[in-house]
């Protein structure tokens, strides 16, 4: 009864790409409608009129179940994927265009930090503090050297970088465009 697309189609579309709990709230109350909604992937089916306090209780229950299932024994593989760059943070590996690239520890940390904060410009000073720490010996030239090494390893043409871009007078950003 929604304009354009009905609730069953929305439920099917969401379920194809997400495990988020779905509760259908509807005026359709026949057994056929309930069975169809649950069969399409809804976790619950509430018929109007309904009690607001019951709705809140059901939402909380489904969120709790979802959280328990998420934190279960199923291993989660953490990856950062941008175009043809894949960073496996569990295995501490970087692949570019399907080939593994070997990065030194600080290069890896710097790349993960930048990719975890896409399109944000960081000054050399901020990057140095975040990766090497405030008490580290050295200076911001270290950041430039490490950025250049990373570019040589992940960019097709390091003189025209696609991923790690220089913002003149400001610092560096990881571009996802």
N, C-alpha and C. Protein backbone atom coordinates (compact mmCIF):
# COMPACT_ATOMS: atom_id res chain seq x y z
N UNK A 1 0.81 -1.20 0.00
CA UNK A 1 0.00 0.00 0.00
C UNK A 1 0.86 1.26 0.00
N UNK A 2 2.12 1.12 -0.31
CA UNK A 2 3.02 2.27 -0.41
C UNK A 2 3.02 2.77 -1.84
N UNK A 3 3.32 4.05 -2.05
CA UNK A 3 3.37 4.56 -3.42
C UNK A 3 4.59 4.00 -4.16
N UNK A 4 4.38 3.53 -5.37
CA UNK A 4 5.50 3.06 -6.19
C UNK A 4 5.85 1.60 -5.99
N UNK A 5 6.26 1.24 -4.81
CA UNK A 5 6.71 -0.13 -4.53
C UNK A 5 6.00 -0.60 -3.26
N UNK A 6 5.58 -1.87 -3.24
CA UNK A 6 4.90 -2.36 -2.05
C UNK A 6 5.89 -2.88 -1.00
N UNK A 7 5.41 -3.08 0.21
CA UNK A 7 6.26 -3.50 1.32
C UNK A 7 6.93 -4.84 1.08
N UNK A 8 6.26 -5.74 0.37
CA UNK A 8 6.87 -7.04 0.08
C UNK A 8 8.10 -6.88 -0.80
N UNK A 9 8.01 -6.03 -1.82
CA UNK A 9 9.15 -5.78 -2.70
C UNK A 9 10.29 -5.08 -1.96
N UNK A 10 9.95 -4.15 -1.09
CA UNK A 10 10.97 -3.47 -0.29
C UNK A 10 11.68 -4.48 0.61
N UNK A 11 10.91 -5.35 1.25
CA UNK A 11 11.47 -6.38 2.12
C UNK A 11 12.43 -7.27 1.33
N UNK A 12 12.01 -7.72 0.16
CA UNK A 12 12.84 -8.58 -0.69
C UNK A 12 14.14 -7.87 -1.07
N UNK A 13 14.03 -6.60 -1.45
CA UNK A 13 15.21 -5.83 -1.87
C UNK A 13 16.19 -5.66 -0.72
N UNK A 14 15.70 -5.32 0.45
CA UNK A 14 16.58 -5.15 1.62
C UNK A 14 17.25 -6.47 1.97
N UNK A 15 16.49 -7.54 1.97
CA UNK A 15 17.02 -8.83 2.37
C UNK A 15 18.10 -9.35 1.42
N UNK A 16 18.05 -8.95 0.15
CA UNK A 16 19.07 -9.38 -0.81
C UNK A 16 20.45 -8.86 -0.46
N UNK A 17 20.52 -7.71 0.23
CA UNK A 17 21.83 -7.11 0.49
C UNK A 17 22.13 -6.88 1.97
N UNK A 18 21.20 -7.24 2.87
CA UNK A 18 21.43 -6.91 4.27
C UNK A 18 20.78 -7.94 5.20
N UNK A 19 21.40 -8.12 6.35
CA UNK A 19 20.84 -8.98 7.39
C UNK A 19 20.19 -8.16 8.49
N UNK A 20 19.95 -6.90 8.24
CA UNK A 20 19.30 -6.03 9.20
C UNK A 20 17.91 -6.57 9.53
N UNK A 21 17.52 -6.54 10.80
CA UNK A 21 16.17 -7.02 11.13
C UNK A 21 15.10 -6.20 10.41
N UNK A 22 14.07 -6.90 9.92
CA UNK A 22 12.97 -6.25 9.22
C UNK A 22 11.68 -6.61 9.93
N UNK A 23 10.92 -5.59 10.30
CA UNK A 23 9.59 -5.79 10.88
C UNK A 23 8.59 -5.11 9.96
N UNK A 24 7.68 -5.89 9.41
CA UNK A 24 6.64 -5.32 8.56
C UNK A 24 5.49 -4.86 9.45
N UNK A 25 5.10 -3.61 9.30
CA UNK A 25 3.95 -3.04 10.01
C UNK A 25 2.93 -2.72 8.93
N UNK A 26 1.80 -3.42 8.95
CA UNK A 26 0.89 -3.35 7.83
C UNK A 26 -0.57 -3.49 8.25
N UNK A 27 -1.45 -3.07 7.34
CA UNK A 27 -2.89 -3.26 7.55
C UNK A 27 -3.34 -4.60 6.96
N UNK A 28 -2.47 -5.24 6.20
CA UNK A 28 -2.81 -6.54 5.61
C UNK A 28 -2.74 -7.60 6.70
N UNK A 29 -3.90 -8.25 6.96
CA UNK A 29 -3.93 -9.15 8.10
C UNK A 29 -4.31 -10.59 7.78
N UNK A 30 -4.40 -10.93 6.51
CA UNK A 30 -4.73 -12.32 6.19
C UNK A 30 -3.51 -13.20 6.43
N UNK A 31 -3.78 -14.48 6.67
CA UNK A 31 -2.68 -15.43 6.88
C UNK A 31 -1.75 -15.50 5.67
N UNK A 32 -2.33 -15.40 4.47
CA UNK A 32 -1.54 -15.45 3.24
C UNK A 32 -0.53 -14.29 3.22
N UNK A 33 -0.97 -13.08 3.59
CA UNK A 33 -0.07 -11.92 3.61
C UNK A 33 1.03 -12.10 4.65
N UNK A 34 0.68 -12.60 5.83
CA UNK A 34 1.68 -12.82 6.89
C UNK A 34 2.72 -13.85 6.45
N UNK A 35 2.24 -14.95 5.87
CA UNK A 35 3.15 -16.01 5.40
C UNK A 35 4.05 -15.48 4.29
N UNK A 36 3.48 -14.70 3.38
CA UNK A 36 4.28 -14.12 2.29
C UNK A 36 5.36 -13.19 2.83
N UNK A 37 4.98 -12.29 3.75
CA UNK A 37 5.94 -11.34 4.32
C UNK A 37 7.08 -12.04 5.04
N UNK A 38 6.74 -13.01 5.85
CA UNK A 38 7.79 -13.75 6.57
C UNK A 38 8.61 -14.60 5.62
N UNK A 39 7.97 -15.12 4.59
CA UNK A 39 8.69 -15.92 3.59
C UNK A 39 9.65 -15.11 2.76
N UNK A 40 9.38 -13.83 2.59
CA UNK A 40 10.27 -12.95 1.82
C UNK A 40 11.45 -12.44 2.65
N UNK A 41 11.47 -12.78 3.94
CA UNK A 41 12.63 -12.41 4.76
C UNK A 41 12.35 -11.51 5.93
N UNK A 42 11.09 -11.13 6.14
CA UNK A 42 10.80 -10.30 7.31
C UNK A 42 11.03 -11.12 8.58
N UNK A 43 11.50 -10.46 9.62
CA UNK A 43 11.73 -11.14 10.90
C UNK A 43 10.49 -11.13 11.77
N UNK A 44 9.59 -10.21 11.50
CA UNK A 44 8.37 -10.11 12.29
C UNK A 44 7.31 -9.43 11.44
N UNK A 45 6.05 -9.58 11.83
CA UNK A 45 4.93 -9.04 11.07
C UNK A 45 3.93 -8.51 12.09
N UNK A 46 3.67 -7.21 12.08
CA UNK A 46 2.75 -6.59 13.03
C UNK A 46 1.59 -6.00 12.25
N UNK A 47 0.37 -6.33 12.67
CA UNK A 47 -0.83 -5.86 11.99
C UNK A 47 -1.37 -4.63 12.71
N UNK A 48 -1.76 -3.62 11.92
CA UNK A 48 -2.38 -2.41 12.46
C UNK A 48 -3.82 -2.72 12.85
N UNK A 49 -4.38 -2.10 13.84
CA UNK A 49 -3.72 -1.24 14.82
C UNK A 49 -2.87 -2.09 15.77
N UNK A 50 -1.84 -1.46 16.32
CA UNK A 50 -0.94 -2.18 17.21
C UNK A 50 -0.65 -1.34 18.43
N UNK A 51 -0.14 -1.98 19.45
CA UNK A 51 0.23 -1.28 20.68
C UNK A 51 1.64 -0.72 20.52
N UNK A 52 1.85 0.58 20.71
CA UNK A 52 3.19 1.15 20.60
C UNK A 52 4.20 0.50 21.54
N UNK A 53 3.78 0.16 22.75
CA UNK A 53 4.72 -0.47 23.68
C UNK A 53 5.09 -1.87 23.20
N UNK A 54 4.15 -2.59 22.58
CA UNK A 54 4.49 -3.91 22.01
C UNK A 54 5.47 -3.74 20.86
N UNK A 55 5.27 -2.71 20.04
CA UNK A 55 6.18 -2.45 18.92
C UNK A 55 7.59 -2.18 19.43
N UNK A 56 7.72 -1.35 20.46
CA UNK A 56 9.03 -1.05 21.04
C UNK A 56 9.68 -2.34 21.56
N UNK A 57 8.91 -3.17 22.24
CA UNK A 57 9.42 -4.43 22.79
C UNK A 57 9.91 -5.35 21.67
N UNK A 58 9.15 -5.44 20.59
CA UNK A 58 9.55 -6.29 19.46
C UNK A 58 10.82 -5.76 18.79
N UNK A 59 10.90 -4.45 18.60
CA UNK A 59 12.10 -3.86 17.99
C UNK A 59 13.32 -4.16 18.86
N UNK A 60 13.21 -3.95 20.17
CA UNK A 60 14.33 -4.23 21.08
C UNK A 60 14.72 -5.70 21.03
N UNK A 61 13.74 -6.60 20.99
CA UNK A 61 14.03 -8.03 20.94
C UNK A 61 14.77 -8.40 19.66
N UNK A 62 14.35 -7.84 18.53
CA UNK A 62 15.02 -8.16 17.26
C UNK A 62 16.43 -7.57 17.20
N UNK A 63 16.60 -6.40 17.75
CA UNK A 63 17.95 -5.82 17.80
C UNK A 63 18.86 -6.68 18.66
N UNK A 64 18.37 -7.14 19.80
CA UNK A 64 19.17 -8.00 20.69
C UNK A 64 19.54 -9.31 19.99
N UNK A 65 18.60 -9.91 19.28
CA UNK A 65 18.89 -11.16 18.55
C UNK A 65 19.93 -10.89 17.48
N UNK A 66 19.77 -9.80 16.75
CA UNK A 66 20.71 -9.44 15.68
C UNK A 66 22.12 -9.24 16.25
N UNK A 67 22.22 -8.54 17.37
CA UNK A 67 23.53 -8.30 18.00
C UNK A 67 24.16 -9.61 18.47
N UNK A 68 23.36 -10.50 19.07
CA UNK A 68 23.89 -11.80 19.51
C UNK A 68 24.40 -12.61 18.35
N UNK A 69 23.67 -12.61 17.25
CA UNK A 69 24.10 -13.36 16.08
C UNK A 69 25.36 -12.76 15.46
N UNK A 70 25.44 -11.43 15.45
CA UNK A 70 26.62 -10.75 14.90
C UNK A 70 27.86 -11.05 15.70
N UNK A 71 27.73 -11.12 17.02
CA UNK A 71 28.92 -11.32 17.85
C UNK A 71 29.16 -12.79 18.16
N UNK A 72 28.50 -13.69 17.45
CA UNK A 72 28.65 -15.13 17.66
C UNK A 72 30.03 -15.61 17.25
N UNK A 73 30.15 -16.89 17.06
CA UNK A 73 31.44 -17.52 16.75
C UNK A 73 31.81 -17.44 15.28
N UNK A 74 30.98 -16.81 14.47
CA UNK A 74 31.28 -16.69 13.06
C UNK A 74 32.43 -15.72 12.87
N UNK A 75 33.53 -16.18 12.26
CA UNK A 75 34.65 -15.27 12.05
C UNK A 75 34.28 -14.17 11.05
N UNK A 76 34.61 -12.95 11.39
CA UNK A 76 34.36 -11.81 10.52
C UNK A 76 35.69 -11.42 9.90
N UNK A 77 35.68 -11.25 8.60
CA UNK A 77 36.89 -10.89 7.88
C UNK A 77 36.83 -9.40 7.57
N UNK A 78 37.72 -8.62 8.12
CA UNK A 78 37.70 -7.17 7.94
C UNK A 78 38.55 -6.77 6.75
N UNK A 79 37.91 -6.11 5.81
CA UNK A 79 38.60 -5.64 4.62
C UNK A 79 38.20 -4.21 4.31
N UNK A 80 39.16 -3.48 3.78
CA UNK A 80 38.88 -2.15 3.24
C UNK A 80 39.09 -2.28 1.74
N UNK A 81 38.05 -1.99 0.97
CA UNK A 81 38.11 -2.15 -0.48
C UNK A 81 37.81 -0.81 -1.14
N UNK A 82 38.74 -0.33 -1.94
CA UNK A 82 38.56 0.89 -2.72
C UNK A 82 39.08 0.60 -4.12
N UNK A 83 38.15 0.59 -5.07
CA UNK A 83 38.49 0.29 -6.46
C UNK A 83 39.23 -1.05 -6.51
N UNK A 84 40.47 -1.06 -7.01
CA UNK A 84 41.22 -2.32 -7.11
C UNK A 84 42.25 -2.48 -5.98
N UNK A 85 42.05 -1.74 -4.89
CA UNK A 85 42.90 -1.84 -3.70
C UNK A 85 42.12 -2.56 -2.61
N UNK A 86 42.68 -3.65 -2.08
CA UNK A 86 42.03 -4.41 -1.02
C UNK A 86 43.01 -4.55 0.14
N UNK A 87 42.58 -4.06 1.31
CA UNK A 87 43.40 -4.17 2.51
C UNK A 87 42.69 -5.13 3.46
N UNK A 88 43.34 -6.25 3.75
CA UNK A 88 42.82 -7.24 4.69
C UNK A 88 43.44 -6.93 6.04
N UNK A 89 42.67 -6.27 6.92
CA UNK A 89 43.22 -5.82 8.19
C UNK A 89 43.45 -6.97 9.17
N UNK A 90 42.76 -8.11 8.99
CA UNK A 90 43.00 -9.26 9.85
C UNK A 90 44.33 -9.93 9.49
N UNK A 91 44.56 -10.09 8.20
CA UNK A 91 45.78 -10.78 7.73
C UNK A 91 46.95 -9.82 7.53
N UNK A 92 46.69 -8.52 7.68
CA UNK A 92 47.75 -7.50 7.50
C UNK A 92 48.33 -7.59 6.09
N UNK A 93 47.42 -7.70 5.08
CA UNK A 93 47.85 -7.83 3.68
C UNK A 93 47.20 -6.76 2.82
N UNK A 94 47.94 -6.37 1.78
CA UNK A 94 47.44 -5.39 0.83
C UNK A 94 47.55 -5.99 -0.57
N UNK A 95 46.45 -5.93 -1.31
CA UNK A 95 46.44 -6.39 -2.70
C UNK A 95 46.03 -5.24 -3.60
N UNK A 96 46.75 -5.08 -4.69
CA UNK A 96 46.44 -4.06 -5.68
C UNK A 96 46.33 -4.76 -7.02
N UNK A 97 45.20 -4.53 -7.69
CA UNK A 97 44.93 -5.17 -8.97
C UNK A 97 45.18 -6.67 -8.92
N UNK A 98 44.80 -7.31 -7.80
CA UNK A 98 44.89 -8.76 -7.65
C UNK A 98 46.25 -9.29 -7.23
N UNK A 99 47.21 -8.41 -7.03
CA UNK A 99 48.55 -8.87 -6.63
C UNK A 99 48.89 -8.32 -5.26
N UNK A 100 49.49 -9.18 -4.43
CA UNK A 100 49.86 -8.75 -3.08
C UNK A 100 51.06 -7.81 -3.14
N UNK A 101 50.96 -6.75 -2.32
CA UNK A 101 52.01 -5.74 -2.24
C UNK A 101 52.60 -5.80 -0.84
N UNK A 102 53.90 -5.78 -0.76
CA UNK A 102 54.58 -5.83 0.53
C UNK A 102 54.83 -4.42 1.04
N UNK A 103 54.27 -4.13 2.22
CA UNK A 103 54.46 -2.81 2.84
C UNK A 103 55.15 -3.00 4.19
N UNK A 104 56.03 -2.08 4.51
CA UNK A 104 56.62 -2.08 5.85
C UNK A 104 55.54 -1.66 6.84
N UNK A 105 55.76 -1.91 8.12
CA UNK A 105 54.73 -1.70 9.13
C UNK A 105 54.18 -0.27 9.14
N UNK A 106 55.03 0.74 9.15
CA UNK A 106 54.56 2.13 9.19
C UNK A 106 53.86 2.51 7.88
N UNK A 107 54.32 1.98 6.75
CA UNK A 107 53.64 2.23 5.48
C UNK A 107 52.22 1.66 5.55
N UNK A 108 52.11 0.43 6.08
CA UNK A 108 50.81 -0.22 6.21
C UNK A 108 49.90 0.59 7.14
N UNK A 109 50.41 1.00 8.30
CA UNK A 109 49.61 1.77 9.25
C UNK A 109 49.14 3.09 8.64
N UNK A 110 50.02 3.74 7.91
CA UNK A 110 49.68 5.00 7.27
C UNK A 110 48.60 4.79 6.20
N UNK A 111 48.74 3.74 5.40
CA UNK A 111 47.74 3.45 4.37
C UNK A 111 46.39 3.11 4.99
N UNK A 112 46.38 2.29 6.04
CA UNK A 112 45.13 1.92 6.70
C UNK A 112 44.48 3.17 7.30
N UNK A 113 45.26 4.02 7.93
CA UNK A 113 44.71 5.25 8.51
C UNK A 113 44.07 6.12 7.44
N UNK A 114 44.76 6.32 6.34
CA UNK A 114 44.23 7.17 5.27
C UNK A 114 42.97 6.55 4.64
N UNK A 115 43.00 5.24 4.37
CA UNK A 115 41.83 4.60 3.75
C UNK A 115 40.65 4.54 4.71
N UNK A 116 40.91 4.54 6.01
CA UNK A 116 39.83 4.52 7.00
C UNK A 116 39.20 5.91 7.17
N UNK A 117 39.86 6.91 6.62
CA UNK A 117 39.37 8.29 6.69
C UNK A 117 39.38 8.91 5.29
N UNK A 118 38.57 8.35 4.38
CA UNK A 118 38.64 8.80 2.98
C UNK A 118 38.22 10.25 2.79
N UNK A 119 38.88 10.88 1.83
CA UNK A 119 38.58 12.25 1.41
C UNK A 119 38.74 13.30 2.50
N UNK A 120 39.47 12.96 3.56
CA UNK A 120 39.79 13.94 4.60
C UNK A 120 41.26 14.32 4.43
N UNK A 121 41.52 15.61 4.41
CA UNK A 121 42.89 16.08 4.26
C UNK A 121 43.57 16.12 5.62
N UNK A 122 44.73 15.46 5.72
CA UNK A 122 45.52 15.45 6.95
C UNK A 122 46.85 16.12 6.68
N UNK A 123 47.25 17.01 7.58
CA UNK A 123 48.56 17.65 7.46
C UNK A 123 49.63 16.62 7.76
N UNK A 124 50.85 16.92 7.35
CA UNK A 124 51.98 16.03 7.64
C UNK A 124 52.16 15.88 9.14
N UNK A 125 51.95 16.98 9.86
CA UNK A 125 52.11 16.96 11.32
C UNK A 125 51.09 16.02 11.97
N UNK A 126 49.85 16.08 11.51
CA UNK A 126 48.81 15.21 12.06
C UNK A 126 49.11 13.75 11.75
N UNK A 127 49.52 13.47 10.52
CA UNK A 127 49.85 12.09 10.16
C UNK A 127 51.03 11.58 10.97
N UNK A 128 52.04 12.43 11.16
CA UNK A 128 53.20 12.02 11.96
C UNK A 128 52.78 11.69 13.39
N UNK A 129 51.95 12.56 13.98
CA UNK A 129 51.48 12.32 15.35
C UNK A 129 50.64 11.05 15.45
N UNK A 130 49.75 10.83 14.48
CA UNK A 130 48.85 9.67 14.52
C UNK A 130 49.58 8.35 14.30
N UNK A 131 50.56 8.33 13.41
CA UNK A 131 51.22 7.07 13.06
C UNK A 131 52.47 6.82 13.89
N UNK A 132 53.28 7.84 14.08
CA UNK A 132 54.53 7.65 14.81
C UNK A 132 54.40 8.02 16.29
N UNK A 133 53.43 8.82 16.61
CA UNK A 133 53.23 9.23 17.99
C UNK A 133 53.97 10.52 18.30
N UNK A 134 53.46 11.24 19.27
CA UNK A 134 54.02 12.55 19.61
C UNK A 134 55.44 12.46 20.15
N UNK A 135 55.79 11.34 20.75
CA UNK A 135 57.12 11.20 21.34
C UNK A 135 58.15 10.63 20.38
N UNK A 136 57.77 10.39 19.13
CA UNK A 136 58.68 9.77 18.17
C UNK A 136 59.78 10.74 17.77
N UNK A 137 60.92 10.16 17.49
CA UNK A 137 62.03 10.95 16.97
C UNK A 137 61.85 11.09 15.47
N UNK A 138 62.20 12.20 14.91
CA UNK A 138 62.07 12.43 13.49
C UNK A 138 61.24 13.66 13.23
N UNK A 139 60.90 13.85 11.97
CA UNK A 139 60.08 15.01 11.62
C UNK A 139 59.11 14.65 10.52
N UNK A 140 58.40 15.65 10.05
CA UNK A 140 57.34 15.42 9.07
C UNK A 140 57.87 14.97 7.71
N UNK A 141 59.15 15.13 7.46
CA UNK A 141 59.72 14.63 6.20
C UNK A 141 59.55 13.11 6.11
N UNK A 142 59.49 12.46 7.27
CA UNK A 142 59.26 11.01 7.33
C UNK A 142 57.94 10.66 6.66
N UNK A 143 56.93 11.49 6.87
CA UNK A 143 55.62 11.25 6.27
C UNK A 143 55.74 11.30 4.75
N UNK A 144 56.41 12.30 4.23
CA UNK A 144 56.59 12.45 2.79
C UNK A 144 57.28 11.23 2.19
N UNK A 145 58.33 10.76 2.85
CA UNK A 145 59.07 9.60 2.37
C UNK A 145 58.16 8.37 2.34
N UNK A 146 57.39 8.15 3.40
CA UNK A 146 56.51 6.99 3.46
C UNK A 146 55.37 7.08 2.43
N UNK A 147 54.83 8.27 2.25
CA UNK A 147 53.77 8.46 1.23
C UNK A 147 54.33 8.11 -0.15
N UNK A 148 55.53 8.57 -0.46
CA UNK A 148 56.14 8.28 -1.75
C UNK A 148 56.38 6.78 -1.93
N UNK A 149 56.81 6.10 -0.87
CA UNK A 149 57.03 4.64 -0.95
C UNK A 149 55.71 3.90 -1.18
N UNK A 150 54.67 4.33 -0.48
CA UNK A 150 53.35 3.69 -0.66
C UNK A 150 52.87 3.91 -2.09
N UNK A 151 53.01 5.13 -2.60
CA UNK A 151 52.57 5.43 -3.96
C UNK A 151 53.30 4.55 -4.98
N UNK A 152 54.59 4.37 -4.79
CA UNK A 152 55.36 3.52 -5.71
C UNK A 152 54.83 2.09 -5.73
N UNK A 153 54.26 1.66 -4.62
CA UNK A 153 53.79 0.28 -4.52
C UNK A 153 52.33 0.08 -4.93
N UNK A 154 51.48 1.11 -4.78
CA UNK A 154 50.06 0.90 -5.07
C UNK A 154 49.53 1.66 -6.28
N UNK A 155 50.22 2.68 -6.70
CA UNK A 155 49.73 3.50 -7.81
C UNK A 155 50.22 2.94 -9.15
N UNK A 156 49.41 3.11 -10.18
CA UNK A 156 49.84 2.75 -11.52
C UNK A 156 50.96 3.68 -11.96
N UNK A 157 50.76 4.98 -11.72
CA UNK A 157 51.76 6.00 -12.03
C UNK A 157 51.92 6.87 -10.78
N UNK A 158 53.00 6.66 -10.04
CA UNK A 158 53.17 7.38 -8.77
C UNK A 158 53.34 8.88 -8.95
N UNK A 159 53.67 9.35 -10.16
CA UNK A 159 53.77 10.79 -10.38
C UNK A 159 52.39 11.42 -10.62
N UNK A 160 51.37 10.60 -10.88
CA UNK A 160 49.99 11.05 -11.03
C UNK A 160 49.11 10.13 -10.18
N UNK A 161 49.18 10.29 -8.86
CA UNK A 161 48.50 9.34 -7.97
C UNK A 161 46.98 9.39 -8.05
N UNK A 162 46.40 8.21 -8.03
CA UNK A 162 44.95 8.07 -8.05
C UNK A 162 44.40 7.98 -6.63
N UNK A 163 45.14 7.32 -5.74
CA UNK A 163 44.66 7.08 -4.39
C UNK A 163 45.10 8.16 -3.40
N UNK A 164 46.40 8.27 -3.16
CA UNK A 164 46.89 9.23 -2.17
C UNK A 164 47.28 10.51 -2.89
N UNK A 165 46.47 11.53 -2.67
CA UNK A 165 46.66 12.79 -3.36
C UNK A 165 47.27 13.84 -2.45
N UNK A 166 48.10 14.67 -3.03
CA UNK A 166 48.68 15.80 -2.31
C UNK A 166 47.75 16.99 -2.46
N UNK A 167 47.45 17.61 -1.33
CA UNK A 167 46.68 18.86 -1.35
C UNK A 167 47.70 19.93 -0.97
N UNK A 168 48.17 20.65 -1.96
CA UNK A 168 49.28 21.59 -1.77
C UNK A 168 48.98 22.59 -0.66
N UNK A 169 49.95 22.71 0.25
CA UNK A 169 49.83 23.63 1.37
C UNK A 169 48.99 23.10 2.52
N UNK A 170 48.39 21.91 2.35
CA UNK A 170 47.52 21.37 3.40
C UNK A 170 47.94 19.98 3.88
N UNK A 171 48.28 19.08 2.96
CA UNK A 171 48.67 17.74 3.37
C UNK A 171 48.28 16.69 2.34
N UNK A 172 47.76 15.56 2.82
CA UNK A 172 47.43 14.44 1.96
C UNK A 172 46.01 13.96 2.25
N UNK A 173 45.38 13.37 1.21
CA UNK A 173 44.08 12.74 1.41
C UNK A 173 44.04 11.47 0.57
N UNK A 174 43.24 10.51 1.04
CA UNK A 174 43.01 9.29 0.29
C UNK A 174 41.72 9.48 -0.49
N UNK A 175 41.82 9.45 -1.81
CA UNK A 175 40.66 9.72 -2.66
C UNK A 175 39.95 8.42 -3.01
N UNK A 176 38.63 8.43 -2.86
CA UNK A 176 37.83 7.26 -3.22
C UNK A 176 37.02 7.51 -4.49
N UNK A 177 37.22 8.66 -5.10
CA UNK A 177 36.47 9.02 -6.32
C UNK A 177 37.11 8.39 -7.53
